[in-house]
Amino acid sequence: MVEVDSYKHWLEGWVAHDGTHLTFGRMPLLGAELLPCGELDDIEPDEQRVHEASGNEGISLERAYRRAALVLWPQSQALRNLATSGIECAVR
């Protein structure tokens, strides 16, 4: 039996400082971008789903975590940050 961990972190549900909802979509979040580093280690998931084994696939376990974040970047870097997050963020 082999255990494989796969992680995806992203930011979504954008709200500006004045309460305006922004439509950036999902923006990938790299582990090194989280401060303090390791802050989300060993926290309890908000949601957990178990998918039973079927055919050649084994059991899979999905955990979802929802947290609030304060995102800061210089205004001069806004377009660059959105563009490097993918076409969906840049176009919106």
PDB file of N, CA and C in Angstrom:
ATOM      1  N   MET A   1       0.851  -1.167   0.000  1.00  0.00           N
ATOM      2  CA  MET A   1       0.000   0.000   0.000  1.00  0.00           C
ATOM      3  C   MET A   1       0.901   1.235   0.000  1.00  0.00           C
ATOM      4  N   VAL A   2       0.527   2.221  -0.796  1.00  0.00           N
ATOM      5  CA  VAL A   2       1.314   3.440  -0.911  1.00  0.00           C
ATOM      6  C   VAL A   2       0.410   4.637  -0.622  1.00  0.00           C
ATOM      7  N   GLU A   3       0.916   5.568   0.157  1.00  0.00           N
ATOM      8  CA  GLU A   3       0.173   6.796   0.438  1.00  0.00           C
ATOM      9  C   GLU A   3       0.779   7.918  -0.386  1.00  0.00           C
ATOM     10  N   VAL A   4      -0.067   8.605  -1.123  1.00  0.00           N
ATOM     11  CA  VAL A   4       0.376   9.713  -1.962  1.00  0.00           C
ATOM     12  C   VAL A   4      -0.349  10.968  -1.513  1.00  0.00           C
ATOM     13  N   ASP A   5       0.411  11.999  -1.201  1.00  0.00           N
ATOM     14  CA  ASP A   5      -0.176  13.287  -0.809  1.00  0.00           C
ATOM     15  C   ASP A   5      -0.061  14.258  -1.973  1.00  0.00           C
ATOM     16  N   SER A   6      -1.149  14.914  -2.267  1.00  0.00           N
ATOM     17  CA  SER A   6      -1.177  15.928  -3.313  1.00  0.00           C
ATOM     18  C   SER A   6      -1.884  17.149  -2.746  1.00  0.00           C
ATOM     19  N   TYR A   7      -1.252  18.302  -2.877  1.00  0.00           N
ATOM     20  CA  TYR A   7      -1.801  19.524  -2.304  1.00  0.00           C
ATOM     21  C   TYR A   7      -2.031  20.569  -3.373  1.00  0.00           C
ATOM     22  N   LYS A   8      -3.129  21.289  -3.245  1.00  0.00           N
ATOM     23  CA  LYS A   8      -3.404  22.442  -4.098  1.00  0.00           C
ATOM     24  C   LYS A   8      -3.863  23.560  -3.177  1.00  0.00           C
ATOM     25  N   HIS A   9      -3.214  24.700  -3.272  1.00  0.00           N
ATOM     26  CA  HIS A   9      -3.577  25.866  -2.473  1.00  0.00           C
ATOM     27  C   HIS A   9      -3.900  27.006  -3.428  1.00  0.00           C
ATOM     28  N   TRP A  10      -4.977  27.710  -3.139  1.00  0.00           N
ATOM     29  CA  TRP A  10      -5.309  28.857  -3.962  1.00  0.00           C
ATOM     30  C   TRP A  10      -6.083  29.882  -3.149  1.00  0.00           C
ATOM     31  N   LEU A  11      -6.139  31.075  -3.701  1.00  0.00           N
ATOM     32  CA  LEU A  11      -6.907  32.170  -3.112  1.00  0.00           C
ATOM     33  C   LEU A  11      -8.095  32.430  -4.027  1.00  0.00           C
ATOM     34  N   GLU A  12      -9.261  32.660  -3.438  1.00  0.00           N
ATOM     35  CA  GLU A  12     -10.447  33.016  -4.211  1.00  0.00           C
ATOM     36  C   GLU A  12     -11.420  33.752  -3.297  1.00  0.00           C
ATOM     37  N   GLY A  13     -12.498  34.262  -3.848  1.00  0.00           N
ATOM     38  CA  GLY A  13     -13.456  35.008  -3.039  1.00  0.00           C
ATOM     39  C   GLY A  13     -12.906  36.362  -2.635  1.00  0.00           C
ATOM     40  N   TRP A  14     -12.362  37.069  -3.592  1.00  0.00           N
ATOM     41  CA  TRP A  14     -11.658  38.329  -3.352  1.00  0.00           C
ATOM     42  C   TRP A  14     -12.605  39.448  -2.927  1.00  0.00           C
ATOM     43  N   VAL A  15     -12.211  40.188  -1.896  1.00  0.00           N
ATOM     44  CA  VAL A  15     -12.946  41.362  -1.424  1.00  0.00           C
ATOM     45  C   VAL A  15     -11.918  42.462  -1.166  1.00  0.00           C
ATOM     46  N   ALA A  16     -12.145  43.633  -1.769  1.00  0.00           N
ATOM     47  CA  ALA A  16     -11.238  44.779  -1.588  1.00  0.00           C
ATOM     48  C   ALA A  16     -11.431  45.381  -0.200  1.00  0.00           C
ATOM     49  N   HIS A  17     -10.513  46.249   0.196  1.00  0.00           N
ATOM     50  CA  HIS A  17     -10.563  46.878   1.522  1.00  0.00           C
ATOM     51  C   HIS A  17     -11.842  47.672   1.760  1.00  0.00           C
ATOM     52  N   ASP A  18     -12.501  48.116   0.666  1.00  0.00           N
ATOM     53  CA  ASP A  18     -13.749  48.880   0.812  1.00  0.00           C
ATOM     54  C   ASP A  18     -15.005  48.009   0.734  1.00  0.00           C
ATOM     55  N   GLY A  19     -14.814  46.672   0.686  1.00  0.00           N
ATOM     56  CA  GLY A  19     -15.950  45.751   0.648  1.00  0.00           C
ATOM     57  C   GLY A  19     -16.393  45.350  -0.751  1.00  0.00           C
ATOM     58  N   THR A  20     -15.777  45.917  -1.778  1.00  0.00           N
ATOM     59  CA  THR A  20     -16.103  45.584  -3.162  1.00  0.00           C
ATOM     60  C   THR A  20     -15.631  44.157  -3.469  1.00  0.00           C
ATOM     61  N   HIS A  21     -16.512  43.352  -4.075  1.00  0.00           N
ATOM     62  CA  HIS A  21     -16.131  41.994  -4.481  1.00  0.00           C
ATOM     63  C   HIS A  21     -15.404  42.060  -5.820  1.00  0.00           C
ATOM     64  N   LEU A  22     -14.256  41.423  -5.889  1.00  0.00           N
ATOM     65  CA  LEU A  22     -13.422  41.426  -7.089  1.00  0.00           C
ATOM     66  C   LEU A  22     -13.542  40.076  -7.790  1.00  0.00           C
ATOM     67  N   THR A  23     -13.341  40.056  -9.098  1.00  0.00           N
ATOM     68  CA  THR A  23     -13.539  38.838  -9.878  1.00  0.00           C
ATOM     69  C   THR A  23     -12.227  38.278 -10.414  1.00  0.00           C
ATOM     70  N   PHE A  24     -11.233  38.156  -9.567  1.00  0.00           N
ATOM     71  CA  PHE A  24      -9.953  37.609 -10.012  1.00  0.00           C
ATOM     72  C   PHE A  24     -10.029  36.109 -10.263  1.00  0.00           C
ATOM     73  N   GLY A  25     -10.976  35.422  -9.655  1.00  0.00           N
ATOM     74  CA  GLY A  25     -11.026  33.968  -9.771  1.00  0.00           C
ATOM     75  C   GLY A  25     -10.003  33.335  -8.847  1.00  0.00           C
ATOM     76  N   ARG A  26      -9.639  32.103  -9.141  1.00  0.00           N
ATOM     77  CA  ARG A  26      -8.656  31.382  -8.322  1.00  0.00           C
ATOM     78  C   ARG A  26      -7.241  31.806  -8.669  1.00  0.00           C
ATOM     79  N   MET A  27      -6.480  32.114  -7.650  1.00  0.00           N
ATOM     80  CA  MET A  27      -5.074  32.470  -7.823  1.00  0.00           C
ATOM     81  C   MET A  27      -4.246  31.452  -7.040  1.00  0.00           C
ATOM     82  N   PRO A  28      -3.340  30.737  -7.709  1.00  0.00           N
ATOM     83  CA  PRO A  28      -2.518  29.753  -6.997  1.00  0.00           C
ATOM     84  C   PRO A  28      -1.715  30.396  -5.869  1.00  0.00           C
ATOM     85  N   LEU A  29      -1.578  29.677  -4.787  1.00  0.00           N
ATOM     86  CA  LEU A  29      -0.802  30.136  -3.633  1.00  0.00           C
ATOM     87  C   LEU A  29       0.343  29.153  -3.421  1.00  0.00           C
ATOM     88  N   LEU A  30       1.555  29.644  -3.537  1.00  0.00           N
ATOM     89  CA  LEU A  30       2.732  28.806  -3.312  1.00  0.00           C
ATOM     90  C   LEU A  30       3.008  28.712  -1.819  1.00  0.00           C
ATOM     91  N   GLY A  31       3.548  27.587  -1.399  1.00  0.00           N
ATOM     92  CA  GLY A  31       3.851  27.393   0.015  1.00  0.00           C
ATOM     93  C   GLY A  31       4.743  28.472   0.587  1.00  0.00           C
ATOM     94  N   ALA A  32       5.702  28.954  -0.203  1.00  0.00           N
ATOM     95  CA  ALA A  32       6.637  29.978   0.262  1.00  0.00           C
ATOM     96  C   ALA A  32       5.982  31.344   0.401  1.00  0.00           C
ATOM     97  N   GLU A  33       4.768  31.511  -0.144  1.00  0.00           N
ATOM     98  CA  GLU A  33       4.085  32.800  -0.071  1.00  0.00           C
ATOM     99  C   GLU A  33       3.265  32.963   1.206  1.00  0.00           C
ATOM    100  N   LEU A  34       3.123  31.920   1.971  1.00  0.00           N
ATOM    101  CA  LEU A  34       2.349  31.965   3.203  1.00  0.00           C
ATOM    102  C   LEU A  34       3.234  32.379   4.370  1.00  0.00           C
ATOM    103  N   LEU A  35       2.807  33.385   5.094  1.00  0.00           N
ATOM    104  CA  LEU A  35       3.568  33.857   6.252  1.00  0.00           C
ATOM    105  C   LEU A  35       2.695  33.814   7.495  1.00  0.00           C
ATOM    106  N   PRO A  36       3.165  33.324   8.592  1.00  0.00           N
ATOM    107  CA  PRO A  36       4.435  32.619   8.752  1.00  0.00           C
ATOM    108  C   PRO A  36       4.392  31.247   8.095  1.00  0.00           C
ATOM    109  N   CYS A  37       5.530  30.815   7.608  1.00  0.00           N
ATOM    110  CA  CYS A  37       5.662  29.543   6.911  1.00  0.00           C
ATOM    111  C   CYS A  37       5.179  28.402   7.812  1.00  0.00           C
ATOM    112  N   GLY A  38       4.382  27.501   7.264  1.00  0.00           N
ATOM    113  CA  GLY A  38       3.883  26.361   8.028  1.00  0.00           C
ATOM    114  C   GLY A  38       2.681  26.663   8.896  1.00  0.00           C
ATOM    115  N   GLU A  39       2.120  27.848   8.765  1.00  0.00           N
ATOM    116  CA  GLU A  39       1.006  28.275   9.615  1.00  0.00           C
ATOM    117  C   GLU A  39      -0.202  27.344   9.508  1.00  0.00           C
ATOM    118  N   LEU A  40      -0.405  26.737   8.343  1.00  0.00           N
ATOM    119  CA  LEU A  40      -1.576  25.883   8.144  1.00  0.00           C
ATOM    120  C   LEU A  40      -1.307  24.405   8.415  1.00  0.00           C
ATOM    121  N   ASP A  41      -0.109  24.076   8.865  1.00  0.00           N
ATOM    122  CA  ASP A  41       0.207  22.684   9.188  1.00  0.00           C
ATOM    123  C   ASP A  41      -0.582  22.248  10.411  1.00  0.00           C
ATOM    124  N   ASP A  42      -1.039  21.012  10.408  1.00  0.00           N
ATOM    125  CA  ASP A  42      -1.703  20.388  11.556  1.00  0.00           C
ATOM    126  C   ASP A  42      -3.000  21.076  11.972  1.00  0.00           C
ATOM    127  N   ILE A  43      -3.728  21.669  11.032  1.00  0.00           N
ATOM    128  CA  ILE A  43      -5.031  22.238  11.370  1.00  0.00           C
ATOM    129  C   ILE A  43      -6.123  21.256  10.957  1.00  0.00           C
ATOM    130  N   GLU A  44      -7.262  21.352  11.586  1.00  0.00           N
ATOM    131  CA  GLU A  44      -8.385  20.469  11.288  1.00  0.00           C
ATOM    132  C   GLU A  44      -9.077  20.916   9.999  1.00  0.00           C
ATOM    133  N   PRO A  45      -9.471  19.961   9.139  1.00  0.00           N
ATOM    134  CA  PRO A  45     -10.154  20.336   7.903  1.00  0.00           C
ATOM    135  C   PRO A  45     -11.583  20.805   8.169  1.00  0.00           C
ATOM    136  N   ASP A  46     -12.083  21.677   7.301  1.00  0.00           N
ATOM    137  CA  ASP A  46     -13.471  22.122   7.371  1.00  0.00           C
ATOM    138  C   ASP A  46     -14.409  21.071   6.774  1.00  0.00           C
ATOM    139  N   GLU A  47     -13.871  20.279   5.860  1.00  0.00           N
ATOM    140  CA  GLU A  47     -14.674  19.265   5.180  1.00  0.00           C
ATOM    141  C   GLU A  47     -13.765  18.088   4.837  1.00  0.00           C
ATOM    142  N   GLN A  48     -14.319  16.882   4.911  1.00  0.00           N
ATOM    143  CA  GLN A  48     -13.532  15.687   4.603  1.00  0.00           C
ATOM    144  C   GLN A  48     -14.430  14.705   3.851  1.00  0.00           C
ATOM    145  N   ARG A  49     -13.931  14.171   2.723  1.00  0.00           N
ATOM    146  CA  ARG A  49     -14.690  13.207   1.918  1.00  0.00           C
ATOM    147  C   ARG A  49     -13.837  11.982   1.660  1.00  0.00           C
ATOM    148  N   VAL A  50     -14.446  10.819   1.828  1.00  0.00           N
ATOM    149  CA  VAL A  50     -13.784   9.551   1.541  1.00  0.00           C
ATOM    150  C   VAL A  50     -14.449   8.941   0.319  1.00  0.00           C
ATOM    151  N   HIS A  51     -13.661   8.574  -0.668  1.00  0.00           N
ATOM    152  CA  HIS A  51     -14.153   7.916  -1.870  1.00  0.00           C
ATOM    153  C   HIS A  51     -13.703   6.459  -1.807  1.00  0.00           C
ATOM    154  N   GLU A  52     -14.658   5.552  -1.795  1.00  0.00           N
ATOM    155  CA  GLU A  52     -14.362   4.121  -1.679  1.00  0.00           C
ATOM    156  C   GLU A  52     -13.608   3.613  -2.898  1.00  0.00           C
ATOM    157  N   ALA A  53     -12.927   2.495  -2.713  1.00  0.00           N
ATOM    158  CA  ALA A  53     -12.173   1.873  -3.799  1.00  0.00           C
ATOM    159  C   ALA A  53     -13.129   1.411  -4.894  1.00  0.00           C
ATOM    160  N   SER A  54     -12.700   1.576  -6.151  1.00  0.00           N
ATOM    161  CA  SER A  54     -13.500   1.095  -7.280  1.00  0.00           C
ATOM    162  C   SER A  54     -12.551   0.668  -8.393  1.00  0.00           C
ATOM    163  N   GLY A  55     -12.762  -0.529  -8.905  1.00  0.00           N
ATOM    164  CA  GLY A  55     -11.897  -1.024  -9.978  1.00  0.00           C
ATOM    165  C   GLY A  55     -10.447  -1.070  -9.522  1.00  0.00           C
ATOM    166  N   ASN A  56      -9.569  -0.442 -10.284  1.00  0.00           N
ATOM    167  CA  ASN A  56      -8.143  -0.432  -9.952  1.00  0.00           C
ATOM    168  C   ASN A  56      -7.761   0.728  -9.039  1.00  0.00           C
ATOM    169  N   GLU A  57      -8.710   1.619  -8.768  1.00  0.00           N
ATOM    170  CA  GLU A  57      -8.416   2.754  -7.901  1.00  0.00           C
ATOM    171  C   GLU A  57      -8.601   2.377  -6.445  1.00  0.00           C
ATOM    172  N   GLY A  58      -7.714   2.876  -5.634  1.00  0.00           N
ATOM    173  CA  GLY A  58      -7.831   2.643  -4.200  1.00  0.00           C
ATOM    174  C   GLY A  58      -8.718   3.688  -3.548  1.00  0.00           C
ATOM    175  N   ILE A  59      -8.762   3.651  -2.256  1.00  0.00           N
ATOM    176  CA  ILE A  59      -9.540   4.616  -1.488  1.00  0.00           C
ATOM    177  C   ILE A  59      -8.851   5.977  -1.583  1.00  0.00           C
ATOM    178  N   SER A  60      -9.652   7.028  -1.737  1.00  0.00           N
ATOM    179  CA  SER A  60      -9.065   8.373  -1.720  1.00  0.00           C
ATOM    180  C   SER A  60      -9.762   9.206  -0.650  1.00  0.00           C
ATOM    181  N   LEU A  61      -9.006  10.094  -0.072  1.00  0.00           N
ATOM    182  CA  LEU A  61      -9.487  10.969   0.989  1.00  0.00           C
ATOM    183  C   LEU A  61      -9.201  12.401   0.576  1.00  0.00           C
ATOM    184  N   GLU A  62     -10.236  13.225   0.553  1.00  0.00           N
ATOM    185  CA  GLU A  62     -10.077  14.640   0.221  1.00  0.00           C
ATOM    186  C   GLU A  62     -10.416  15.464   1.446  1.00  0.00           C
ATOM    187  N   ARG A  63      -9.590  16.455   1.706  1.00  0.00           N
ATOM    188  CA  ARG A  63      -9.833  17.382   2.811  1.00  0.00           C
ATOM    189  C   ARG A  63      -9.874  18.794   2.255  1.00  0.00           C
ATOM    190  N   ALA A  64     -10.825  19.575   2.724  1.00  0.00           N
ATOM    191  CA  ALA A  64     -10.947  20.966   2.292  1.00  0.00           C
ATOM    192  C   ALA A  64     -10.763  21.871   3.503  1.00  0.00           C
ATOM    193  N   TYR A  65     -10.000  22.926   3.286  1.00  0.00           N
ATOM    194  CA  TYR A  65      -9.731  23.909   4.334  1.00  0.00           C
ATOM    195  C   TYR A  65     -10.123  25.277   3.806  1.00  0.00           C
ATOM    196  N   ARG A  66     -10.850  26.027   4.584  1.00  0.00           N
ATOM    197  CA  ARG A  66     -11.231  27.377   4.194  1.00  0.00           C
ATOM    198  C   ARG A  66     -10.745  28.339   5.270  1.00  0.00           C
ATOM    199  N   ARG A  67      -9.938  29.286   4.862  1.00  0.00           N
ATOM    200  CA  ARG A  67      -9.379  30.263   5.785  1.00  0.00           C
ATOM    201  C   ARG A  67      -9.430  31.631   5.136  1.00  0.00           C
ATOM    202  N   ALA A  68      -9.386  32.653   5.928  1.00  0.00           N
ATOM    203  CA  ALA A  68      -9.318  34.025   5.419  1.00  0.00           C
ATOM    204  C   ALA A  68      -7.854  34.428   5.323  1.00  0.00           C
ATOM    205  N   ALA A  69      -7.566  35.316   4.369  1.00  0.00           N
ATOM    206  CA  ALA A  69      -6.186  35.770   4.190  1.00  0.00           C
ATOM    207  C   ALA A  69      -6.170  37.257   3.869  1.00  0.00           C
ATOM    208  N   LEU A  70      -5.146  37.895   4.299  1.00  0.00           N
ATOM    209  CA  LEU A  70      -4.889  39.282   3.937  1.00  0.00           C
ATOM    210  C   LEU A  70      -3.803  39.249   2.873  1.00  0.00           C
ATOM    211  N   VAL A  71      -4.123  39.741   1.700  1.00  0.00           N
ATOM    212  CA  VAL A  71      -3.178  39.721   0.585  1.00  0.00           C
ATOM    213  C   VAL A  71      -2.741  41.146   0.305  1.00  0.00           C
ATOM    214  N   LEU A  72      -1.450  41.376   0.346  1.00  0.00           N
ATOM    215  CA  LEU A  72      -0.887  42.705   0.086  1.00  0.00           C
ATOM    216  C   LEU A  72       0.137  42.614  -1.037  1.00  0.00           C
ATOM    217  N   TRP A  73       0.073  43.558  -1.961  1.00  0.00           N
ATOM    218  CA  TRP A  73       1.121  43.704  -2.956  1.00  0.00           C
ATOM    219  C   TRP A  73       1.131  45.155  -3.405  1.00  0.00           C
ATOM    220  N   PRO A  74       2.281  45.645  -3.830  1.00  0.00           N
ATOM    221  CA  PRO A  74       2.351  47.030  -4.291  1.00  0.00           C
ATOM    222  C   PRO A  74       1.460  47.218  -5.519  1.00  0.00           C
ATOM    223  N   GLN A  75       0.793  48.343  -5.621  1.00  0.00           N
ATOM    224  CA  GLN A  75      -0.086  48.617  -6.753  1.00  0.00           C
ATOM    225  C   GLN A  75       0.674  48.485  -8.069  1.00  0.00           C
ATOM    226  N   SER A  76       1.942  48.850  -8.063  1.00  0.00           N
ATOM    227  CA  SER A  76       2.745  48.766  -9.291  1.00  0.00           C
ATOM    228  C   SER A  76       2.950  47.322  -9.751  1.00  0.00           C
ATOM    229  N   GLN A  77       2.724  46.343  -8.859  1.00  0.00           N
ATOM    230  CA  GLN A  77       2.909  44.934  -9.198  1.00  0.00           C
ATOM    231  C   GLN A  77       1.593  44.203  -9.460  1.00  0.00           C
ATOM    232  N   ALA A  78       0.461  44.892  -9.379  1.00  0.00           N
ATOM    233  CA  ALA A  78      -0.846  44.236  -9.495  1.00  0.00           C
ATOM    234  C   ALA A  78      -1.001  43.473 -10.807  1.00  0.00           C
ATOM    235  N   LEU A  79      -0.737  44.111 -11.932  1.00  0.00           N
ATOM    236  CA  LEU A  79      -0.902  43.448 -13.227  1.00  0.00           C
ATOM    237  C   LEU A  79       0.040  42.253 -13.354  1.00  0.00           C
ATOM    238  N   ARG A  80       1.270  42.409 -12.920  1.00  0.00           N
ATOM    239  CA  ARG A  80       2.240  41.305 -12.971  1.00  0.00           C
ATOM    240  C   ARG A  80       1.754  40.127 -12.137  1.00  0.00           C
ATOM    241  N   ASN A  81       1.271  40.393 -10.927  1.00  0.00           N
ATOM    242  CA  ASN A  81       0.806  39.320 -10.054  1.00  0.00           C
ATOM    243  C   ASN A  81      -0.387  38.591 -10.653  1.00  0.00           C
ATOM    244  N   LEU A  82      -1.312  39.329 -11.223  1.00  0.00           N
ATOM    245  CA  LEU A  82      -2.476  38.700 -11.836  1.00  0.00           C
ATOM    246  C   LEU A  82      -2.082  37.904 -13.076  1.00  0.00           C
ATOM    247  N   ALA A  83      -1.191  38.452 -13.889  1.00  0.00           N
ATOM    248  CA  ALA A  83      -0.780  37.774 -15.119  1.00  0.00           C
ATOM    249  C   ALA A  83      -0.017  36.483 -14.834  1.00  0.00           C
ATOM    250  N   THR A  84       0.808  36.471 -13.809  1.00  0.00           N
ATOM    251  CA  THR A  84       1.567  35.254 -13.497  1.00  0.00           C
ATOM    252  C   THR A  84       0.694  34.194 -12.838  1.00  0.00           C
ATOM    253  N   SER A  85      -0.529  34.561 -12.443  1.00  0.00           N
ATOM    254  CA  SER A  85      -1.444  33.601 -11.836  1.00  0.00           C
ATOM    255  C   SER A  85      -2.269  32.861 -12.865  1.00  0.00           C
ATOM    256  N   GLY A  86      -2.102  33.177 -14.130  1.00  0.00           N
ATOM    257  CA  GLY A  86      -2.823  32.477 -15.176  1.00  0.00           C
ATOM    258  C   GLY A  86      -3.733  33.402 -15.960  1.00  0.00           C
ATOM    259  N   ILE A  87      -4.152  32.919 -17.094  1.00  0.00           N
ATOM    260  CA  ILE A  87      -4.949  33.719 -18.015  1.00  0.00           C
ATOM    261  C   ILE A  87      -6.282  34.108 -17.404  1.00  0.00           C
ATOM    262  N   GLU A  88      -6.892  33.231 -16.601  1.00  0.00           N
ATOM    263  CA  GLU A  88      -8.195  33.523 -15.993  1.00  0.00           C
ATOM    264  C   GLU A  88      -8.127  34.760 -15.109  1.00  0.00           C
ATOM    265  N   CYS A  89      -7.117  34.833 -14.254  1.00  0.00           N
ATOM    266  CA  CYS A  89      -6.965  36.007 -13.375  1.00  0.00           C
ATOM    267  C   CYS A  89      -6.625  37.250 -14.164  1.00  0.00           C
ATOM    268  N   ALA A  90      -5.733  37.115 -15.132  1.00  0.00           N
ATOM    269  CA  ALA A  90      -5.278  38.284 -15.894  1.00  0.00           C
ATOM    270  C   ALA A  90      -6.411  38.905 -16.696  1.00  0.00           C
ATOM    271  N   VAL A  91      -7.238  38.087 -17.324  1.00  0.00           N
ATOM    272  CA  VAL A  91      -8.312  38.601 -18.162  1.00  0.00           C
ATOM    273  C   VAL A  91      -9.372  39.276 -17.320  1.00  0.00           C
ATOM    274  N   ARG A  92      -9.709  38.679 -16.178  1.00  0.00           N
ATOM    275  CA  ARG A  92     -10.741  39.268 -15.324  1.00  0.00           C
ATOM    276  C   ARG A  92     -10.263  40.586 -14.786  1.00  0.00           C
TER     277      ARG A  92
END
